[in-house]
Amino acid sequence: MTLTLIYTIVGFALAGYSVIANDSIQTLGTFIASKQKWFKWYTLASAASFVMILAITWGWYSNAGDISYGRLTRIPFQEIQWYHAVAPGILLVLTRIGIPVSTTFLVLSAFASTVVLEKMLMKSVVGYGLAAVAAYICWIVVSKFINEKFDEVEDKWIGFWRNSVWVTSAWLWWVWLSHDVANIAVYLPRQIDVNLLLIVLAYFTALLFYIFYINGGTIQKVVLDKTGTRYARSATIINVIYAAVLYYFKELNDLPMSTTWVFVGLLCGRELAISTMNKDYKFKYVFPLIGKDFLKMTVGLTVSVAIVLAIHYIIIPNNWF
């Protein structure tokens, strides 16, 4: 077994675990929080795995063997080196201590040029702002009719909201996969055969079952800290707005972006709207939550920039590979 193959296997394995353990909570976090009281973890994991298998298989079929949905057209396939495997290892460490960093920046920075990284950053910043504004406006409107912090759902609507979580979570999960599978597929050839596809699906399914078994892990706290995320009604509204923003950027162009930044921007706008409309929920409670999440994102971005600069200006010029 050559070193390149070893690096490829290690990098792919670490990236798969890190990306799914860190980023999937953005999409599945509200689903887990709102459903774990009613369903066994393996039932929820089976549902998420079913959607994942459909989404990745469809991406593979419709893009001539490319499971990344064309998100890697600006990042050509490279022979995997040791420093490519280090990036998801760093992400794994940050995930274990509960930091919701951007896997797009942290993983793809090891492969992308500084120009592509800059464009990904700009797209992600715009995504953060758009998600925050959209969430703020939407929840201002929502707050005119319901108080997510105190209002209880009428009995006649309970079934509707509980069922809507399943539908909206599936849509969001599919749209998210079309973005972030690229962060794992970057370690693979841009077109893979059916045998490798089956290996990928089996590995991802095993990872999903583990994530559901541990109820999302440490990173799930980012979701649980926010107002009402355990409630089916709140989870549904979050899912719809988040999926709509991601879908817009998916159709905009093929440039990868940080879904983490979009997600945190959405939660930021939502918390600000709730505090604006609810006199009992003061800004002094909101800003520590927003500031803490933004600080964590900044940590991930700093590490990502350090990685890409080290690769292009230290490791490659000095032939440290």
C-alpha atoms as a PDB file:
ATOM      1  CA  MET A   1       0.000   0.000   0.000  1.00  0.00           C
ATOM      2  CA  THR A   2       1.511   3.321  -1.067  1.00  0.00           C
ATOM      3  CA  LEU A   3       1.718   6.401   1.135  1.00  0.00           C
ATOM      4  CA  THR A   4      -0.646   8.239  -1.208  1.00  0.00           C
ATOM      5  CA  LEU A   5      -3.304   5.559  -0.766  1.00  0.00           C
ATOM      6  CA  ILE A   6      -2.826   5.618   3.010  1.00  0.00           C
ATOM      7  CA  TYR A   7      -3.181   9.396   3.076  1.00  0.00           C
ATOM      8  CA  THR A   8      -6.298   9.131   0.911  1.00  0.00           C
ATOM      9  CA  ILE A   9      -7.961   6.559   3.162  1.00  0.00           C
ATOM     10  CA  VAL A  10      -7.047   8.402   6.359  1.00  0.00           C
ATOM     11  CA  GLY A  11      -8.090  11.777   4.944  1.00  0.00           C
ATOM     12  CA  PHE A  12     -11.404  10.468   3.634  1.00  0.00           C
ATOM     13  CA  ALA A  13     -12.199   8.624   6.870  1.00  0.00           C
ATOM     14  CA  LEU A  14     -11.367  11.629   9.057  1.00  0.00           C
ATOM     15  CA  ALA A  15     -13.177  14.050   6.752  1.00  0.00           C
ATOM     16  CA  GLY A  16     -16.265  11.848   6.697  1.00  0.00           C
ATOM     17  CA  TYR A  17     -16.466  11.631  10.461  1.00  0.00           C
ATOM     18  CA  SER A  18     -15.537  15.269  11.060  1.00  0.00           C
ATOM     19  CA  VAL A  19     -17.902  16.755   8.483  1.00  0.00           C
ATOM     20  CA  ILE A  20     -20.889  14.609   9.455  1.00  0.00           C
ATOM     21  CA  ALA A  21     -20.240  14.956  13.200  1.00  0.00           C
ATOM     22  CA  ASN A  22     -19.736  18.725  12.960  1.00  0.00           C
ATOM     23  CA  ASP A  23     -21.897  20.003  10.114  1.00  0.00           C
ATOM     24  CA  SER A  24     -24.788  17.559  10.023  1.00  0.00           C
ATOM     25  CA  ILE A  25     -25.986  18.946  13.351  1.00  0.00           C
ATOM     26  CA  GLN A  26     -26.850  22.160  11.480  1.00  0.00           C
ATOM     27  CA  THR A  27     -29.516  20.242   9.598  1.00  0.00           C
ATOM     28  CA  LEU A  28     -30.307  17.312  11.873  1.00  0.00           C
ATOM     29  CA  GLY A  29     -29.868  19.129  15.187  1.00  0.00           C
ATOM     30  CA  THR A  30     -33.411  20.506  15.367  1.00  0.00           C
ATOM     31  CA  PHE A  31     -34.696  17.159  14.070  1.00  0.00           C
ATOM     32  CA  ILE A  32     -32.933  15.284  16.883  1.00  0.00           C
ATOM     33  CA  ALA A  33     -33.948  17.856  19.507  1.00  0.00           C
ATOM     34  CA  SER A  34     -37.626  17.802  18.553  1.00  0.00           C
ATOM     35  CA  LYS A  35     -37.992  14.046  17.940  1.00  0.00           C
ATOM     36  CA  GLN A  36     -35.755  12.219  20.423  1.00  0.00           C
ATOM     37  CA  LYS A  37     -38.492  12.314  23.065  1.00  0.00           C
ATOM     38  CA  TRP A  38     -40.904  10.440  20.799  1.00  0.00           C
ATOM     39  CA  PHE A  39     -38.757   8.062  18.757  1.00  0.00           C
ATOM     40  CA  LYS A  40     -35.843   5.726  19.347  1.00  0.00           C
ATOM     41  CA  TRP A  41     -32.480   6.959  18.106  1.00  0.00           C
ATOM     42  CA  TYR A  42     -32.179   4.161  15.555  1.00  0.00           C
ATOM     43  CA  THR A  43     -35.552   5.047  14.019  1.00  0.00           C
ATOM     44  CA  LEU A  44     -34.413   8.623  13.490  1.00  0.00           C
ATOM     45  CA  ALA A  45     -31.033   7.430  12.192  1.00  0.00           C
ATOM     46  CA  SER A  46     -32.739   5.114   9.703  1.00  0.00           C
ATOM     47  CA  ALA A  47     -34.858   7.967   8.346  1.00  0.00           C
ATOM     48  CA  ALA A  48     -31.839  10.263   7.972  1.00  0.00           C
ATOM     49  CA  SER A  49     -29.809   7.475   6.342  1.00  0.00           C
ATOM     50  CA  PHE A  50     -32.579   6.764   3.834  1.00  0.00           C
ATOM     51  CA  VAL A  51     -32.640  10.402   2.694  1.00  0.00           C
ATOM     52  CA  MET A  52     -28.832  10.511   2.613  1.00  0.00           C
ATOM     53  CA  ILE A  53     -28.624   7.402   0.401  1.00  0.00           C
ATOM     54  CA  LEU A  54     -31.186   8.851  -2.004  1.00  0.00           C
ATOM     55  CA  ALA A  55     -29.487  12.272  -2.137  1.00  0.00           C
ATOM     56  CA  ILE A  56     -25.951  10.983  -2.729  1.00  0.00           C
ATOM     57  CA  THR A  57     -27.061   8.315  -5.208  1.00  0.00           C
ATOM     58  CA  TRP A  58     -29.049  10.874  -7.174  1.00  0.00           C
ATOM     59  CA  GLY A  59     -26.071  13.260  -7.170  1.00  0.00           C
ATOM     60  CA  TRP A  60     -23.830  10.436  -8.409  1.00  0.00           C
ATOM     61  CA  TYR A  61     -26.298   9.453 -11.135  1.00  0.00           C
ATOM     62  CA  SER A  62     -27.191  12.953 -12.353  1.00  0.00           C
ATOM     63  CA  ASN A  63     -23.589  14.236 -12.328  1.00  0.00           C
ATOM     64  CA  ALA A  64     -21.913  11.343 -14.139  1.00  0.00           C
ATOM     65  CA  GLY A  65     -20.397   9.741 -11.062  1.00  0.00           C
ATOM     66  CA  ASP A  66     -19.656  12.961  -9.144  1.00  0.00           C
ATOM     67  CA  ILE A  67     -21.200  12.809  -5.664  1.00  0.00           C
ATOM     68  CA  SER A  68     -20.248  16.427  -4.905  1.00  0.00           C
ATOM     69  CA  TYR A  69     -23.063  17.829  -7.095  1.00  0.00           C
ATOM     70  CA  GLY A  70     -20.455  19.698  -9.127  1.00  0.00           C
ATOM     71  CA  ARG A  71     -19.206  21.760  -6.159  1.00  0.00           C
ATOM     72  CA  LEU A  72     -15.570  20.829  -6.870  1.00  0.00           C
ATOM     73  CA  THR A  73     -15.262  22.047 -10.454  1.00  0.00           C
ATOM     74  CA  ARG A  74     -12.938  24.845  -9.283  1.00  0.00           C
ATOM     75  CA  ILE A  75     -10.847  22.488  -7.163  1.00  0.00           C
ATOM     76  CA  PRO A  76      -9.230  19.858  -9.424  1.00  0.00           C
ATOM     77  CA  PHE A  77      -8.381  16.418  -8.083  1.00  0.00           C
ATOM     78  CA  GLN A  78      -4.941  16.274  -6.451  1.00  0.00           C
ATOM     79  CA  GLU A  79      -2.702  13.461  -5.312  1.00  0.00           C
ATOM     80  CA  ILE A  80      -3.365  13.270  -1.573  1.00  0.00           C
ATOM     81  CA  GLN A  81      -0.459  14.278   0.658  1.00  0.00           C
ATOM     82  CA  TRP A  82      -0.040  14.134   4.430  1.00  0.00           C
ATOM     83  CA  TYR A  83      -1.126  17.734   4.926  1.00  0.00           C
ATOM     84  CA  HIS A  84      -4.463  16.995   3.237  1.00  0.00           C
ATOM     85  CA  ALA A  85      -5.155  14.421   5.951  1.00  0.00           C
ATOM     86  CA  VAL A  86      -4.137  16.822   8.741  1.00  0.00           C
ATOM     87  CA  ALA A  87      -6.970  19.289   8.004  1.00  0.00           C
ATOM     88  CA  PRO A  88      -9.881  16.975   8.944  1.00  0.00           C
ATOM     89  CA  GLY A  89      -7.836  15.799  11.927  1.00  0.00           C
ATOM     90  CA  ILE A  90      -7.796  19.381  13.227  1.00  0.00           C
ATOM     91  CA  LEU A  91     -11.512  19.614  12.510  1.00  0.00           C
ATOM     92  CA  LEU A  92     -12.079  16.432  14.494  1.00  0.00           C
ATOM     93  CA  VAL A  93     -10.319  17.923  17.530  1.00  0.00           C
ATOM     94  CA  LEU A  94     -12.338  21.152  17.325  1.00  0.00           C
ATOM     95  CA  THR A  95     -15.544  19.145  16.950  1.00  0.00           C
ATOM     96  CA  ARG A  96     -14.784  17.112  20.063  1.00  0.00           C
ATOM     97  CA  ILE A  97     -14.604  20.291  22.156  1.00  0.00           C
ATOM     98  CA  GLY A  98     -17.864  21.620  20.705  1.00  0.00           C
ATOM     99  CA  ILE A  99     -16.666  24.321  18.291  1.00  0.00           C
ATOM    100  CA  PRO A 100     -18.971  24.668  15.216  1.00  0.00           C
ATOM    101  CA  VAL A 101     -16.238  25.594  12.747  1.00  0.00           C
ATOM    102  CA  SER A 102     -16.689  25.714   8.991  1.00  0.00           C
ATOM    103  CA  THR A 103     -15.720  22.378   7.478  1.00  0.00           C
ATOM    104  CA  THR A 104     -15.752  23.996   4.050  1.00  0.00           C
ATOM    105  CA  PHE A 105     -12.932  26.336   5.022  1.00  0.00           C
ATOM    106  CA  LEU A 106     -11.041  23.894   7.207  1.00  0.00           C
ATOM    107  CA  VAL A 107     -11.059  20.920   4.816  1.00  0.00           C
ATOM    108  CA  LEU A 108     -11.160  22.532   1.375  1.00  0.00           C
ATOM    109  CA  SER A 109      -8.504  25.099   2.340  1.00  0.00           C
ATOM    110  CA  ALA A 110      -5.929  22.303   2.107  1.00  0.00           C
ATOM    111  CA  PHE A 111      -6.862  21.802  -1.566  1.00  0.00           C
ATOM    112  CA  ALA A 112      -7.964  25.241  -2.757  1.00  0.00           C
ATOM    113  CA  SER A 113      -5.856  28.099  -4.035  1.00  0.00           C
ATOM    114  CA  THR A 114      -5.860  31.372  -2.133  1.00  0.00           C
ATOM    115  CA  VAL A 115      -8.067  32.881  -4.874  1.00  0.00           C
ATOM    116  CA  VAL A 116     -10.732  30.175  -4.523  1.00  0.00           C
ATOM    117  CA  LEU A 117     -10.568  30.404  -0.718  1.00  0.00           C
ATOM    118  CA  GLU A 118     -11.155  34.153  -0.929  1.00  0.00           C
ATOM    119  CA  LYS A 119     -14.208  33.639  -3.150  1.00  0.00           C
ATOM    120  CA  MET A 120     -15.574  30.961  -0.811  1.00  0.00           C
ATOM    121  CA  LEU A 121     -15.150  33.359   2.111  1.00  0.00           C
ATOM    122  CA  MET A 122     -16.990  36.179   0.339  1.00  0.00           C
ATOM    123  CA  LYS A 123     -19.865  33.882  -0.619  1.00  0.00           C
ATOM    124  CA  SER A 124     -20.078  32.599   2.959  1.00  0.00           C
ATOM    125  CA  VAL A 125     -20.087  36.110   4.445  1.00  0.00           C
ATOM    126  CA  VAL A 126     -22.944  37.061   2.105  1.00  0.00           C
ATOM    127  CA  GLY A 127     -24.707  33.831   3.123  1.00  0.00           C
ATOM    128  CA  TYR A 128     -24.334  34.699   6.820  1.00  0.00           C
ATOM    129  CA  GLY A 129     -25.777  38.173   6.275  1.00  0.00           C
ATOM    130  CA  LEU A 130     -28.629  37.020   4.046  1.00  0.00           C
ATOM    131  CA  ALA A 131     -29.596  34.244   6.466  1.00  0.00           C
ATOM    132  CA  ALA A 132     -29.531  36.652   9.433  1.00  0.00           C
ATOM    133  CA  VAL A 133     -31.671  39.262   7.660  1.00  0.00           C
ATOM    134  CA  ALA A 134     -34.114  36.679   6.294  1.00  0.00           C
ATOM    135  CA  ALA A 135     -34.452  35.042   9.699  1.00  0.00           C
ATOM    136  CA  TYR A 136     -34.922  38.385  11.470  1.00  0.00           C
ATOM    137  CA  ILE A 137     -37.696  39.483   9.093  1.00  0.00           C
ATOM    138  CA  CYS A 138     -39.412  36.097   9.126  1.00  0.00           C
ATOM    139  CA  TRP A 139     -39.416  35.799  12.891  1.00  0.00           C
ATOM    140  CA  ILE A 140     -40.611  39.369  13.346  1.00  0.00           C
ATOM    141  CA  VAL A 141     -43.613  38.358  11.243  1.00  0.00           C
ATOM    142  CA  VAL A 142     -43.956  35.025  13.073  1.00  0.00           C
ATOM    143  CA  SER A 143     -43.813  36.802  16.435  1.00  0.00           C
ATOM    144  CA  LYS A 144     -46.873  38.835  15.456  1.00  0.00           C
ATOM    145  CA  PHE A 145     -48.881  35.643  15.638  1.00  0.00           C
ATOM    146  CA  ILE A 146     -47.052  33.319  18.033  1.00  0.00           C
ATOM    147  CA  ASN A 147     -44.642  33.572  20.947  1.00  0.00           C
ATOM    148  CA  GLU A 148     -42.179  30.716  20.499  1.00  0.00           C
ATOM    149  CA  LYS A 149     -40.860  31.123  24.009  1.00  0.00           C
ATOM    150  CA  PHE A 150     -44.178  30.807  25.816  1.00  0.00           C
ATOM    151  CA  ASP A 151     -47.104  29.981  23.505  1.00  0.00           C
ATOM    152  CA  GLU A 152     -48.278  26.390  23.472  1.00  0.00           C
ATOM    153  CA  VAL A 153     -49.519  24.771  20.270  1.00  0.00           C
ATOM    154  CA  GLU A 154     -53.248  24.053  20.131  1.00  0.00           C
ATOM    155  CA  ASP A 155     -54.132  20.377  20.197  1.00  0.00           C
ATOM    156  CA  LYS A 156     -55.566  20.435  16.672  1.00  0.00           C
ATOM    157  CA  TRP A 157     -52.200  21.620  15.276  1.00  0.00           C
ATOM    158  CA  ILE A 158     -49.895  19.276  17.184  1.00  0.00           C
ATOM    159  CA  GLY A 159     -50.062  16.522  14.549  1.00  0.00           C
ATOM    160  CA  PHE A 160     -49.426  18.977  11.728  1.00  0.00           C
ATOM    161  CA  TRP A 161     -46.280  20.451  13.289  1.00  0.00           C
ATOM    162  CA  ARG A 162     -44.877  17.070  14.298  1.00  0.00           C
ATOM    163  CA  ASN A 163     -45.323  15.684  10.795  1.00  0.00           C
ATOM    164  CA  SER A 164     -43.944  18.840   9.193  1.00  0.00           C
ATOM    165  CA  VAL A 165     -40.637  18.328  11.001  1.00  0.00           C
ATOM    166  CA  TRP A 166     -40.146  15.060   9.104  1.00  0.00           C
ATOM    167  CA  VAL A 167     -40.820  16.660   5.722  1.00  0.00           C
ATOM    168  CA  THR A 168     -38.842  19.870   6.220  1.00  0.00           C
ATOM    169  CA  SER A 169     -35.914  18.046   7.841  1.00  0.00           C
ATOM    170  CA  ALA A 170     -35.710  15.694   4.859  1.00  0.00           C
ATOM    171  CA  TRP A 171     -35.678  18.626   2.417  1.00  0.00           C
ATOM    172  CA  LEU A 172     -33.066  20.525   4.413  1.00  0.00           C
ATOM    173  CA  TRP A 173     -30.911  17.412   4.826  1.00  0.00           C
ATOM    174  CA  TRP A 174     -30.988  16.801   1.050  1.00  0.00           C
ATOM    175  CA  VAL A 175     -30.082  20.413   0.199  1.00  0.00           C
ATOM    176  CA  TRP A 176     -27.292  20.436   2.800  1.00  0.00           C
ATOM    177  CA  LEU A 177     -25.827  17.204   1.428  1.00  0.00           C
ATOM    178  CA  SER A 178     -25.694  18.752  -2.046  1.00  0.00           C
ATOM    179  CA  HIS A 179     -23.405  21.411  -0.538  1.00  0.00           C
ATOM    180  CA  ASP A 180     -21.242  19.666   2.026  1.00  0.00           C
ATOM    181  CA  VAL A 181     -20.620  16.209   0.596  1.00  0.00           C
ATOM    182  CA  ALA A 182     -17.986  18.069  -1.462  1.00  0.00           C
ATOM    183  CA  ASN A 183     -15.950  18.482   1.741  1.00  0.00           C
ATOM    184  CA  ILE A 184     -15.548  14.698   1.870  1.00  0.00           C
ATOM    185  CA  ALA A 185     -15.604  13.898  -1.860  1.00  0.00           C
ATOM    186  CA  VAL A 186     -12.572  16.161  -2.356  1.00  0.00           C
ATOM    187  CA  TYR A 187     -10.424  13.178  -1.292  1.00  0.00           C
ATOM    188  CA  LEU A 188     -11.879  10.998  -4.055  1.00  0.00           C
ATOM    189  CA  PRO A 189     -11.653  11.043  -7.857  1.00  0.00           C
ATOM    190  CA  ARG A 190     -14.245  13.409  -9.319  1.00  0.00           C
ATOM    191  CA  GLN A 191     -16.034  10.423 -10.885  1.00  0.00           C
ATOM    192  CA  ILE A 192     -16.351   7.242  -8.837  1.00  0.00           C
ATOM    193  CA  ASP A 193     -17.635   3.791  -9.815  1.00  0.00           C
ATOM    194  CA  VAL A 194     -20.563   1.982  -8.233  1.00  0.00           C
ATOM    195  CA  ASN A 195     -18.351  -0.097  -5.913  1.00  0.00           C
ATOM    196  CA  LEU A 196     -16.776   3.000  -4.364  1.00  0.00           C
ATOM    197  CA  LEU A 197     -20.215   4.591  -4.158  1.00  0.00           C
ATOM    198  CA  LEU A 198     -21.464   1.654  -2.081  1.00  0.00           C
ATOM    199  CA  ILE A 199     -18.455   1.923   0.239  1.00  0.00           C
ATOM    200  CA  VAL A 200     -19.124   5.650   0.705  1.00  0.00           C
ATOM    201  CA  LEU A 201     -22.806   5.065   1.454  1.00  0.00           C
ATOM    202  CA  ALA A 202     -22.034   2.293   3.954  1.00  0.00           C
ATOM    203  CA  TYR A 203     -19.473   4.450   5.773  1.00  0.00           C
ATOM    204  CA  PHE A 204     -21.766   7.482   5.903  1.00  0.00           C
ATOM    205  CA  THR A 205     -24.653   5.347   7.183  1.00  0.00           C
ATOM    206  CA  ALA A 206     -22.495   3.945   9.983  1.00  0.00           C
ATOM    207  CA  LEU A 207     -21.433   7.479  10.932  1.00  0.00           C
ATOM    208  CA  LEU A 208     -25.026   8.701  10.996  1.00  0.00           C
ATOM    209  CA  PHE A 209     -26.114   5.886  13.283  1.00  0.00           C
ATOM    210  CA  TYR A 210     -23.283   6.756  15.650  1.00  0.00           C
ATOM    211  CA  ILE A 211     -24.198  10.464  15.640  1.00  0.00           C
ATOM    212  CA  PHE A 212     -27.809   9.657  16.482  1.00  0.00           C
ATOM    213  CA  TYR A 213     -26.698   7.160  19.125  1.00  0.00           C
ATOM    214  CA  ILE A 214     -24.853   9.939  20.982  1.00  0.00           C
ATOM    215  CA  ASN A 215     -27.740  12.390  20.359  1.00  0.00           C
ATOM    216  CA  GLY A 216     -25.636  14.732  18.268  1.00  0.00           C
ATOM    217  CA  GLY A 217     -22.659  14.886  20.582  1.00  0.00           C
ATOM    218  CA  THR A 218     -21.088  18.000  22.115  1.00  0.00           C
ATOM    219  CA  ILE A 219     -21.798  20.206  19.101  1.00  0.00           C
ATOM    220  CA  GLN A 220     -25.562  19.706  19.580  1.00  0.00           C
ATOM    221  CA  LYS A 221     -25.384  22.233  22.434  1.00  0.00           C
ATOM    222  CA  VAL A 222     -25.176  25.014  19.815  1.00  0.00           C
ATOM    223  CA  VAL A 223     -28.734  24.083  18.795  1.00  0.00           C
ATOM    224  CA  LEU A 224     -30.116  23.357  22.262  1.00  0.00           C
ATOM    225  CA  ASP A 225     -28.926  26.728  23.588  1.00  0.00           C
ATOM    226  CA  LYS A 226     -31.317  28.555  21.265  1.00  0.00           C
ATOM    227  CA  THR A 227     -34.900  29.398  22.095  1.00  0.00           C
ATOM    228  CA  GLY A 228     -37.481  26.670  21.465  1.00  0.00           C
ATOM    229  CA  THR A 229     -35.383  24.456  19.189  1.00  0.00           C
ATOM    230  CA  ARG A 230     -36.792  21.383  20.923  1.00  0.00           C
ATOM    231  CA  TYR A 231     -40.296  22.265  19.746  1.00  0.00           C
ATOM    232  CA  ALA A 232     -41.690  20.906  16.478  1.00  0.00           C
ATOM    233  CA  ARG A 233     -43.116  24.257  15.385  1.00  0.00           C
ATOM    234  CA  SER A 234     -39.830  26.113  15.876  1.00  0.00           C
ATOM    235  CA  ALA A 235     -37.835  23.307  14.266  1.00  0.00           C
ATOM    236  CA  THR A 236     -40.093  23.420  11.188  1.00  0.00           C
ATOM    237  CA  ILE A 237     -39.711  27.170  10.708  1.00  0.00           C
ATOM    238  CA  ILE A 238     -35.918  26.962  11.126  1.00  0.00           C
ATOM    239  CA  ASN A 239     -35.727  24.110   8.614  1.00  0.00           C
ATOM    240  CA  VAL A 240     -37.755  25.927   5.944  1.00  0.00           C
ATOM    241  CA  ILE A 241     -35.783  29.190   6.086  1.00  0.00           C
ATOM    242  CA  TYR A 242     -32.398  27.465   6.281  1.00  0.00           C
ATOM    243  CA  ALA A 243     -33.200  25.143   3.374  1.00  0.00           C
ATOM    244  CA  ALA A 244     -34.483  28.045   1.262  1.00  0.00           C
ATOM    245  CA  VAL A 245     -31.275  30.053   1.775  1.00  0.00           C
ATOM    246  CA  LEU A 246     -29.049  27.040   1.024  1.00  0.00           C
ATOM    247  CA  TYR A 247     -31.045  26.192  -2.076  1.00  0.00           C
ATOM    248  CA  TYR A 248     -30.676  29.751  -3.349  1.00  0.00           C
ATOM    249  CA  PHE A 249     -26.891  29.625  -3.020  1.00  0.00           C
ATOM    250  CA  LYS A 250     -26.782  26.120  -4.494  1.00  0.00           C
ATOM    251  CA  GLU A 251     -28.456  27.405  -7.652  1.00  0.00           C
ATOM    252  CA  LEU A 252     -26.448  30.649  -7.687  1.00  0.00           C
ATOM    253  CA  ASN A 253     -23.140  29.050  -8.741  1.00  0.00           C
ATOM    254  CA  ASP A 254     -20.949  25.982  -8.196  1.00  0.00           C
ATOM    255  CA  LEU A 255     -18.587  27.661  -5.723  1.00  0.00           C
ATOM    256  CA  PRO A 256     -18.441  25.891  -2.329  1.00  0.00           C
ATOM    257  CA  MET A 257     -19.539  27.901   0.700  1.00  0.00           C
ATOM    258  CA  SER A 258     -19.736  27.511   4.441  1.00  0.00           C
ATOM    259  CA  THR A 259     -23.135  26.179   5.453  1.00  0.00           C
ATOM    260  CA  THR A 260     -22.013  26.689   9.063  1.00  0.00           C
ATOM    261  CA  TRP A 261     -21.903  30.433   8.547  1.00  0.00           C
ATOM    262  CA  VAL A 262     -25.387  30.387   7.008  1.00  0.00           C
ATOM    263  CA  PHE A 263     -26.730  28.331   9.908  1.00  0.00           C
ATOM    264  CA  VAL A 264     -25.219  30.546  12.604  1.00  0.00           C
ATOM    265  CA  GLY A 265     -26.440  33.638  10.743  1.00  0.00           C
ATOM    266  CA  LEU A 266     -29.960  32.202  10.724  1.00  0.00           C
ATOM    267  CA  LEU A 267     -29.903  31.489  14.460  1.00  0.00           C
ATOM    268  CA  CYS A 268     -28.478  34.966  15.065  1.00  0.00           C
ATOM    269  CA  GLY A 269     -31.287  36.700  13.173  1.00  0.00           C
ATOM    270  CA  ARG A 270     -33.879  34.504  14.866  1.00  0.00           C
ATOM    271  CA  GLU A 271     -32.677  35.236  18.396  1.00  0.00           C
ATOM    272  CA  LEU A 272     -32.524  38.983  17.671  1.00  0.00           C
ATOM    273  CA  ALA A 273     -36.087  38.932  16.316  1.00  0.00           C
ATOM    274  CA  ILE A 274     -37.413  37.026  19.324  1.00  0.00           C
ATOM    275  CA  SER A 275     -35.706  39.438  21.718  1.00  0.00           C
ATOM    276  CA  THR A 276     -37.044  42.413  19.745  1.00  0.00           C
ATOM    277  CA  MET A 277     -40.635  41.201  19.976  1.00  0.00           C
ATOM    278  CA  ASN A 278     -40.489  39.742  23.482  1.00  0.00           C
ATOM    279  CA  LYS A 279     -39.965  42.254  26.280  1.00  0.00           C
ATOM    280  CA  ASP A 280     -39.139  39.440  28.703  1.00  0.00           C
ATOM    281  CA  TYR A 281     -36.254  38.210  26.530  1.00  0.00           C
ATOM    282  CA  LYS A 282     -33.631  40.929  26.806  1.00  0.00           C
ATOM    283  CA  PHE A 283     -30.788  41.716  24.403  1.00  0.00           C
ATOM    284  CA  LYS A 284     -28.310  41.102  27.223  1.00  0.00           C
ATOM    285  CA  TYR A 285     -29.214  37.399  27.063  1.00  0.00           C
ATOM    286  CA  VAL A 286     -28.939  37.267  23.264  1.00  0.00           C
ATOM    287  CA  PHE A 287     -25.589  38.889  22.566  1.00  0.00           C
ATOM    288  CA  PRO A 288     -23.503  36.424  24.617  1.00  0.00           C
ATOM    289  CA  LEU A 289     -25.011  33.567  22.568  1.00  0.00           C
ATOM    290  CA  ILE A 290     -24.406  35.347  19.259  1.00  0.00           C
ATOM    291  CA  GLY A 291     -20.932  36.486  20.217  1.00  0.00           C
ATOM    292  CA  LYS A 292     -19.892  33.022  21.387  1.00  0.00           C
ATOM    293  CA  ASP A 293     -20.957  31.389  18.105  1.00  0.00           C
ATOM    294  CA  PHE A 294     -19.268  34.090  16.021  1.00  0.00           C
ATOM    295  CA  LEU A 295     -16.063  33.716  18.025  1.00  0.00           C
ATOM    296  CA  LYS A 296     -16.058  29.978  17.394  1.00  0.00           C
ATOM    297  CA  MET A 297     -16.509  30.551  13.653  1.00  0.00           C
ATOM    298  CA  THR A 298     -13.635  33.012  13.699  1.00  0.00           C
ATOM    299  CA  VAL A 299     -11.413  30.398  15.315  1.00  0.00           C
ATOM    300  CA  GLY A 300     -12.200  27.954  12.514  1.00  0.00           C
ATOM    301  CA  LEU A 301     -11.578  30.580   9.837  1.00  0.00           C
ATOM    302  CA  THR A 302      -8.240  31.540  11.399  1.00  0.00           C
ATOM    303  CA  VAL A 303      -7.103  27.919  11.437  1.00  0.00           C
ATOM    304  CA  SER A 304      -8.250  27.489   7.814  1.00  0.00           C
ATOM    305  CA  VAL A 305      -6.328  30.525   6.596  1.00  0.00           C
ATOM    306  CA  ALA A 306      -3.258  29.351   8.510  1.00  0.00           C
ATOM    307  CA  ILE A 307      -3.493  25.943   6.793  1.00  0.00           C
ATOM    308  CA  VAL A 308      -3.760  27.319   3.262  1.00  0.00           C
ATOM    309  CA  LEU A 309      -0.923  29.807   3.825  1.00  0.00           C
ATOM    310  CA  ALA A 310       1.298  27.114   5.320  1.00  0.00           C
ATOM    311  CA  ILE A 311       0.639  24.774   2.386  1.00  0.00           C
ATOM    312  CA  HIS A 312       1.220  27.320  -0.374  1.00  0.00           C
ATOM    313  CA  TYR A 313       4.049  29.315   1.177  1.00  0.00           C
ATOM    314  CA  ILE A 314       5.921  26.860   3.406  1.00  0.00           C
ATOM    315  CA  ILE A 315       5.178  23.180   2.751  1.00  0.00           C
ATOM    316  CA  ILE A 316       5.057  23.125  -1.070  1.00  0.00           C
ATOM    317  CA  PRO A 317       7.977  25.570  -1.711  1.00  0.00           C
ATOM    318  CA  ASN A 318      10.167  23.563   0.687  1.00  0.00           C
ATOM    319  CA  ASN A 319       9.042  20.179  -0.667  1.00  0.00           C
ATOM    320  CA  TRP A 320       7.846  18.974   2.745  1.00  0.00           C
ATOM    321  CA  PHE A 321       5.897  16.070   1.280  1.00  0.00           C
END
